[in-house]
N, C-alpha and C. Protein backbone atom coordinates (compact mmCIF):
# COMPACT_ATOMS: atom_id res chain seq x y z
N MET A 1 35.02 -23.47 87.40
CA MET A 1 33.66 -24.29 87.44
C MET A 1 32.68 -23.85 85.75
N THR A 2 31.84 -25.03 85.57
CA THR A 2 31.04 -24.23 84.41
C THR A 2 29.70 -23.86 85.05
N ASN A 3 29.13 -23.61 84.51
CA ASN A 3 27.83 -23.58 85.40
C ASN A 3 26.72 -24.88 85.45
N LYS A 4 27.18 -25.46 84.75
CA LYS A 4 26.50 -26.89 85.22
C LYS A 4 27.30 -27.76 86.00
N ASP A 5 28.68 -27.14 86.26
CA ASP A 5 29.92 -27.97 87.53
C ASP A 5 28.96 -27.06 88.88
N ILE A 6 28.54 -25.91 88.91
CA ILE A 6 28.53 -25.48 89.70
C ILE A 6 26.94 -26.11 90.09
N VAL A 7 25.87 -26.27 89.39
CA VAL A 7 24.66 -26.49 89.74
C VAL A 7 24.15 -27.94 90.20
N ALA A 8 25.48 -28.96 89.59
CA ALA A 8 25.82 -30.08 90.02
C ALA A 8 26.45 -30.37 91.51
N ALA A 9 27.34 -29.50 91.52
CA ALA A 9 27.72 -29.24 93.10
C ALA A 9 26.76 -28.97 93.72
N MET A 10 25.65 -27.95 93.84
CA MET A 10 24.91 -27.52 94.58
C MET A 10 23.64 -28.59 94.98
N TYR A 11 23.30 -29.28 93.81
CA TYR A 11 22.51 -31.00 94.18
C TYR A 11 23.48 -31.60 95.58
N LYS A 12 24.62 -31.86 94.89
CA LYS A 12 25.15 -32.69 95.63
C LYS A 12 25.58 -32.40 97.42
N GLU A 13 26.02 -31.05 97.24
CA GLU A 13 25.99 -30.54 99.20
C GLU A 13 24.87 -29.96 99.25
N PHE A 14 24.28 -29.05 98.80
CA PHE A 14 23.24 -28.46 99.42
C PHE A 14 21.69 -29.42 99.25
N PHE A 15 21.41 -30.35 98.48
CA PHE A 15 20.22 -30.93 98.19
C PHE A 15 20.61 -32.43 99.24
N ASN A 16 21.63 -33.27 98.52
CA ASN A 16 21.91 -34.53 99.04
C ASN A 16 22.46 -35.02 100.20
N ASP A 17 23.76 -33.86 100.71
CA ASP A 17 24.11 -33.76 101.87
C ASP A 17 23.52 -33.20 103.02
N HIS A 18 22.42 -32.45 102.59
CA HIS A 18 22.05 -31.68 103.46
C HIS A 18 22.65 -30.60 103.86
N ASP A 19 23.62 -30.29 103.27
CA ASP A 19 24.43 -28.78 103.96
C ASP A 19 23.93 -27.60 103.49
N VAL A 20 23.39 -27.33 104.45
CA VAL A 20 22.01 -25.86 104.16
C VAL A 20 23.38 -24.73 103.67
N ASN A 21 24.35 -25.07 104.56
CA ASN A 21 25.09 -23.85 104.69
C ASN A 21 26.14 -23.56 102.97
N ALA A 22 26.35 -24.81 102.00
CA ALA A 22 26.53 -25.06 100.52
C ALA A 22 26.01 -23.78 99.78
N ALA A 23 24.89 -23.38 100.50
CA ALA A 23 24.07 -22.06 99.94
C ALA A 23 25.06 -20.65 99.56
N LEU A 24 25.59 -20.69 100.59
CA LEU A 24 26.80 -19.61 100.77
C LEU A 24 27.78 -19.56 99.60
N LYS A 25 27.64 -20.85 99.23
CA LYS A 25 28.91 -20.86 98.03
C LYS A 25 28.44 -20.84 96.63
N TYR A 26 26.99 -20.89 96.72
CA TYR A 26 26.77 -21.60 95.51
C TYR A 26 25.24 -20.20 94.83
N VAL A 27 24.41 -19.84 95.76
CA VAL A 27 23.71 -19.22 95.60
C VAL A 27 23.18 -17.86 95.96
N ARG A 28 23.18 -16.59 94.92
CA ARG A 28 23.46 -15.50 95.69
C ARG A 28 21.84 -14.83 96.72
N GLU A 29 22.93 -13.97 97.70
CA GLU A 29 21.94 -13.78 98.19
C GLU A 29 20.55 -13.16 97.99
N ASP A 30 20.30 -12.59 96.93
CA ASP A 30 19.15 -11.95 96.18
C ASP A 30 18.42 -12.75 95.26
N TYR A 31 18.97 -14.20 95.49
CA TYR A 31 18.27 -15.21 94.98
C TYR A 31 16.65 -15.01 94.90
N ILE A 32 15.98 -15.08 93.48
CA ILE A 32 15.27 -15.09 93.38
C ILE A 32 14.14 -16.64 92.70
N GLN A 33 13.14 -16.80 93.53
CA GLN A 33 12.33 -18.06 93.88
C GLN A 33 11.16 -18.20 93.23
N HIS A 34 10.61 -18.89 91.68
CA HIS A 34 9.67 -18.65 91.12
C HIS A 34 8.56 -19.84 92.06
N ASN A 35 9.06 -20.61 92.79
CA ASN A 35 8.27 -21.73 93.38
C ASN A 35 7.47 -20.99 94.69
N PRO A 36 6.60 -21.09 94.79
CA PRO A 36 5.64 -20.05 95.81
C PRO A 36 5.82 -20.98 97.46
N GLY A 37 6.22 -21.89 96.95
CA GLY A 37 6.44 -23.16 98.34
C GLY A 37 7.69 -22.87 99.00
N VAL A 38 8.20 -22.13 98.48
CA VAL A 38 9.92 -21.81 98.79
C VAL A 38 10.08 -20.28 98.68
N PRO A 39 10.40 -20.14 99.93
CA PRO A 39 10.82 -18.43 100.41
C PRO A 39 11.86 -17.76 99.35
N GLN A 40 11.36 -16.52 99.18
CA GLN A 40 12.59 -15.84 98.42
C GLN A 40 13.71 -15.45 99.53
N GLY A 41 14.98 -15.67 98.23
CA GLY A 41 16.40 -14.84 98.53
C GLY A 41 17.09 -16.15 99.69
N ARG A 42 18.56 -16.25 99.59
CA ARG A 42 19.17 -17.01 100.36
C ARG A 42 18.82 -17.44 101.04
N ALA A 43 18.90 -16.55 101.93
CA ALA A 43 18.42 -16.96 103.37
C ALA A 43 16.61 -18.46 103.59
N GLY A 44 15.95 -17.50 102.44
CA GLY A 44 14.63 -18.14 102.80
C GLY A 44 14.91 -19.60 102.32
N LEU A 45 15.75 -19.79 100.81
CA LEU A 45 15.76 -21.42 100.45
C LEU A 45 17.03 -22.09 101.84
N MET A 46 17.52 -21.53 102.40
CA MET A 46 18.20 -22.64 103.42
C MET A 46 17.74 -22.92 104.70
N ASP A 47 16.33 -21.91 105.35
CA ASP A 47 15.85 -22.01 106.01
C ASP A 47 14.67 -23.34 105.80
N GLY A 48 13.75 -22.49 104.44
CA GLY A 48 12.88 -23.84 104.30
C GLY A 48 13.45 -25.28 104.14
N PHE A 49 14.28 -25.67 103.75
CA PHE A 49 15.05 -27.15 103.44
C PHE A 49 15.43 -27.66 104.69
N ALA A 50 15.94 -26.47 105.17
CA ALA A 50 16.49 -26.83 106.92
C ALA A 50 15.27 -27.85 107.10
N LYS A 51 13.66 -26.68 107.18
CA LYS A 51 13.03 -27.84 107.72
C LYS A 51 12.14 -28.30 107.12
N LYS A 52 13.25 -28.48 105.89
CA LYS A 52 12.58 -30.17 104.97
C LYS A 52 13.55 -31.31 105.52
N PHE A 53 14.50 -31.22 105.73
CA PHE A 53 15.67 -32.15 105.83
C PHE A 53 15.32 -32.80 107.14
N GLU A 54 14.63 -31.80 108.07
CA GLU A 54 14.69 -32.23 109.30
C GLU A 54 13.12 -33.12 109.53
N VAL A 55 12.34 -32.69 108.50
CA VAL A 55 10.78 -33.37 108.12
C VAL A 55 11.16 -34.69 107.08
N GLU A 56 11.96 -34.64 106.65
CA GLU A 56 12.53 -35.87 105.49
C GLU A 56 13.95 -36.03 105.12
N PRO A 57 14.08 -36.88 106.21
CA PRO A 57 15.74 -36.92 106.47
C PRO A 57 16.56 -37.78 105.37
N THR A 58 15.42 -38.50 104.52
CA THR A 58 15.90 -39.56 103.51
C THR A 58 15.87 -38.55 101.96
N PHE A 59 15.56 -37.28 102.18
CA PHE A 59 15.09 -36.82 100.86
C PHE A 59 16.42 -36.48 100.39
N HIS A 60 16.45 -36.83 98.79
CA HIS A 60 17.21 -37.34 97.58
C HIS A 60 17.08 -37.12 96.48
N LEU A 61 17.93 -36.18 95.80
CA LEU A 61 17.55 -36.15 94.46
C LEU A 61 18.41 -36.85 93.31
N GLU A 62 18.17 -37.53 92.28
CA GLU A 62 19.03 -38.35 91.14
C GLU A 62 18.78 -37.22 89.89
N ILE A 63 20.18 -36.65 89.63
CA ILE A 63 20.28 -35.88 88.56
C ILE A 63 20.01 -37.02 87.09
N GLN A 64 18.86 -36.53 86.17
CA GLN A 64 18.84 -37.49 85.43
C GLN A 64 19.65 -36.82 83.34
N GLN A 65 19.87 -35.73 83.38
CA GLN A 65 20.46 -34.59 82.32
C GLN A 65 19.78 -33.54 82.95
N MET A 66 21.36 -32.87 82.50
CA MET A 66 21.09 -31.59 82.85
C MET A 66 21.42 -30.27 81.04
N ILE A 67 21.22 -29.98 80.85
CA ILE A 67 21.75 -28.98 79.61
C ILE A 67 21.60 -27.84 80.26
N ALA A 68 22.76 -26.79 79.13
CA ALA A 68 23.11 -25.07 79.73
C ALA A 68 23.61 -24.98 78.60
N GLU A 69 22.94 -23.45 78.84
CA GLU A 69 23.20 -22.65 77.50
C GLU A 69 23.35 -21.56 77.96
N ASP A 70 24.44 -20.47 77.57
CA ASP A 70 24.19 -19.18 78.37
C ASP A 70 24.10 -18.97 79.71
N ASP A 71 23.44 -18.49 80.05
CA ASP A 71 22.99 -18.20 81.52
C ASP A 71 22.18 -18.95 82.16
N ARG A 72 21.79 -20.20 81.96
CA ARG A 72 20.77 -21.13 82.34
C ARG A 72 21.16 -22.27 82.44
N VAL A 73 20.99 -23.35 83.38
CA VAL A 73 21.12 -24.76 83.29
C VAL A 73 19.48 -25.09 83.85
N VAL A 74 18.94 -26.24 83.05
CA VAL A 74 17.88 -27.09 82.72
C VAL A 74 18.44 -28.54 83.26
N VAL A 75 17.82 -28.82 84.42
CA VAL A 75 17.78 -30.10 85.12
C VAL A 75 17.15 -30.73 85.27
N TYR A 76 17.09 -32.20 84.37
CA TYR A 76 15.59 -33.04 85.04
C TYR A 76 15.91 -33.86 85.79
N LEU A 77 15.38 -34.54 87.21
CA LEU A 77 15.90 -35.09 87.87
C LEU A 77 14.74 -35.84 88.70
N LYS A 78 14.99 -36.83 89.54
CA LYS A 78 13.79 -37.50 89.90
C LYS A 78 14.31 -37.61 91.89
N ASN A 79 13.19 -37.05 92.74
CA ASN A 79 13.20 -37.76 94.06
C ASN A 79 13.15 -39.09 94.06
N VAL A 80 13.81 -39.37 94.96
CA VAL A 80 13.79 -41.04 95.28
C VAL A 80 14.08 -41.45 96.62
N ASP A 81 13.25 -42.55 97.40
CA ASP A 81 13.35 -42.81 98.46
C ASP A 81 14.55 -43.84 98.53
N PRO A 82 14.34 -43.89 99.72
CA PRO A 82 16.22 -44.66 100.29
C PRO A 82 16.44 -46.11 99.33
N GLU A 83 14.72 -46.89 98.59
CA GLU A 83 14.79 -48.10 97.84
C GLU A 83 15.61 -47.63 96.57
N GLY A 84 15.49 -46.21 96.05
CA GLY A 84 15.49 -45.80 95.09
C GLY A 84 13.99 -46.04 93.99
N LYS A 85 12.85 -45.91 94.16
CA LYS A 85 11.58 -45.72 93.83
C LYS A 85 11.32 -44.37 93.59
N THR A 86 11.04 -43.95 92.44
CA THR A 86 11.19 -42.74 92.28
C THR A 86 9.82 -42.27 92.63
N LYS A 87 9.88 -40.98 93.28
CA LYS A 87 8.68 -40.29 94.22
C LYS A 87 8.34 -39.15 93.38
N ALA A 88 8.30 -38.09 92.76
CA ALA A 88 8.91 -37.24 91.54
C ALA A 88 9.56 -37.65 90.85
N ARG A 89 8.83 -36.25 89.54
CA ARG A 89 10.17 -36.06 88.59
C ARG A 89 9.95 -34.87 88.79
N VAL A 90 11.01 -33.82 88.55
CA VAL A 90 11.52 -32.72 88.73
C VAL A 90 11.75 -32.14 87.38
N VAL A 91 11.76 -30.67 86.73
CA VAL A 91 12.44 -30.44 85.49
C VAL A 91 12.92 -28.82 86.70
N ASP A 92 14.06 -28.24 86.94
CA ASP A 92 14.55 -27.28 87.72
C ASP A 92 15.35 -26.28 86.30
N ILE A 93 14.69 -25.09 86.31
CA ILE A 93 15.68 -24.42 85.55
C ILE A 93 16.39 -23.27 86.24
N TYR A 94 17.55 -22.84 86.14
CA TYR A 94 18.44 -21.78 86.93
C TYR A 94 19.09 -20.99 86.02
N ARG A 95 19.27 -19.38 86.30
CA ARG A 95 19.99 -18.81 85.98
C ARG A 95 20.59 -18.27 87.32
N LEU A 96 21.53 -18.42 86.10
CA LEU A 96 23.04 -17.84 86.93
C LEU A 96 23.83 -16.49 86.63
N GLU A 97 24.58 -15.97 87.60
CA GLU A 97 24.63 -14.78 87.34
C GLU A 97 25.85 -14.81 88.84
N ASP A 98 27.36 -14.26 88.00
CA ASP A 98 28.68 -13.84 88.35
C ASP A 98 28.89 -15.57 89.39
N GLY A 99 29.06 -16.46 88.43
CA GLY A 99 28.76 -17.95 89.05
C GLY A 99 28.10 -18.09 89.87
N MET A 100 27.11 -17.60 89.87
CA MET A 100 26.01 -18.23 91.60
C MET A 100 24.67 -18.48 90.98
N LEU A 101 24.10 -18.84 91.76
CA LEU A 101 22.50 -19.56 91.33
C LEU A 101 21.73 -18.28 91.40
N ALA A 102 20.96 -17.21 90.60
CA ALA A 102 20.35 -16.64 91.05
C ALA A 102 19.00 -16.01 91.03
N GLU A 103 18.13 -17.65 89.87
CA GLU A 103 16.94 -17.36 89.88
C GLU A 103 16.82 -19.08 89.56
N HIS A 104 15.11 -19.19 89.76
CA HIS A 104 14.82 -20.52 89.80
C HIS A 104 13.81 -20.85 89.44
N TRP A 105 13.07 -21.53 88.39
CA TRP A 105 11.88 -22.45 87.88
C TRP A 105 12.16 -23.82 88.33
N ASP A 106 10.85 -24.26 88.59
CA ASP A 106 10.45 -25.70 88.29
C ASP A 106 8.95 -25.92 88.06
N VAL A 107 9.22 -27.05 87.87
CA VAL A 107 7.91 -27.72 87.49
C VAL A 107 8.08 -29.24 88.34
N LEU A 108 7.21 -29.43 89.06
CA LEU A 108 7.11 -30.94 89.48
C LEU A 108 5.69 -31.81 89.21
N GLN A 109 6.39 -33.29 89.14
CA GLN A 109 4.93 -34.25 88.43
C GLN A 109 5.30 -35.27 89.90
N PRO A 110 4.72 -35.27 90.54
CA PRO A 110 4.32 -36.74 91.73
C PRO A 110 3.83 -37.61 91.15
N CYS A 111 4.86 -38.96 91.82
CA CYS A 111 4.91 -40.05 91.30
C CYS A 111 3.44 -41.27 91.83
């Protein structure tokens, strides 16, 4: 799998299928999170989003564009509601290490 394939699979399985255990395949245990609203580490990511999926069971992300260079993948995406209306626009930046997500930065624009 390419780095883009890994990130795309993570979005499908973890974020859109709400399978927090998918992080075990795609995210390093020592995952570094630069978003202050999400806990550090793989366990923190899993716990934080398990809670988010309970509160927001229709949470869904649509990838609009992905750019990969060396160990980085940049994703431009939209958080959409069940009717397809855009709730937020997001740019996520990932650093991958040994085929797993190792570090994350993001920029969020609510609509």
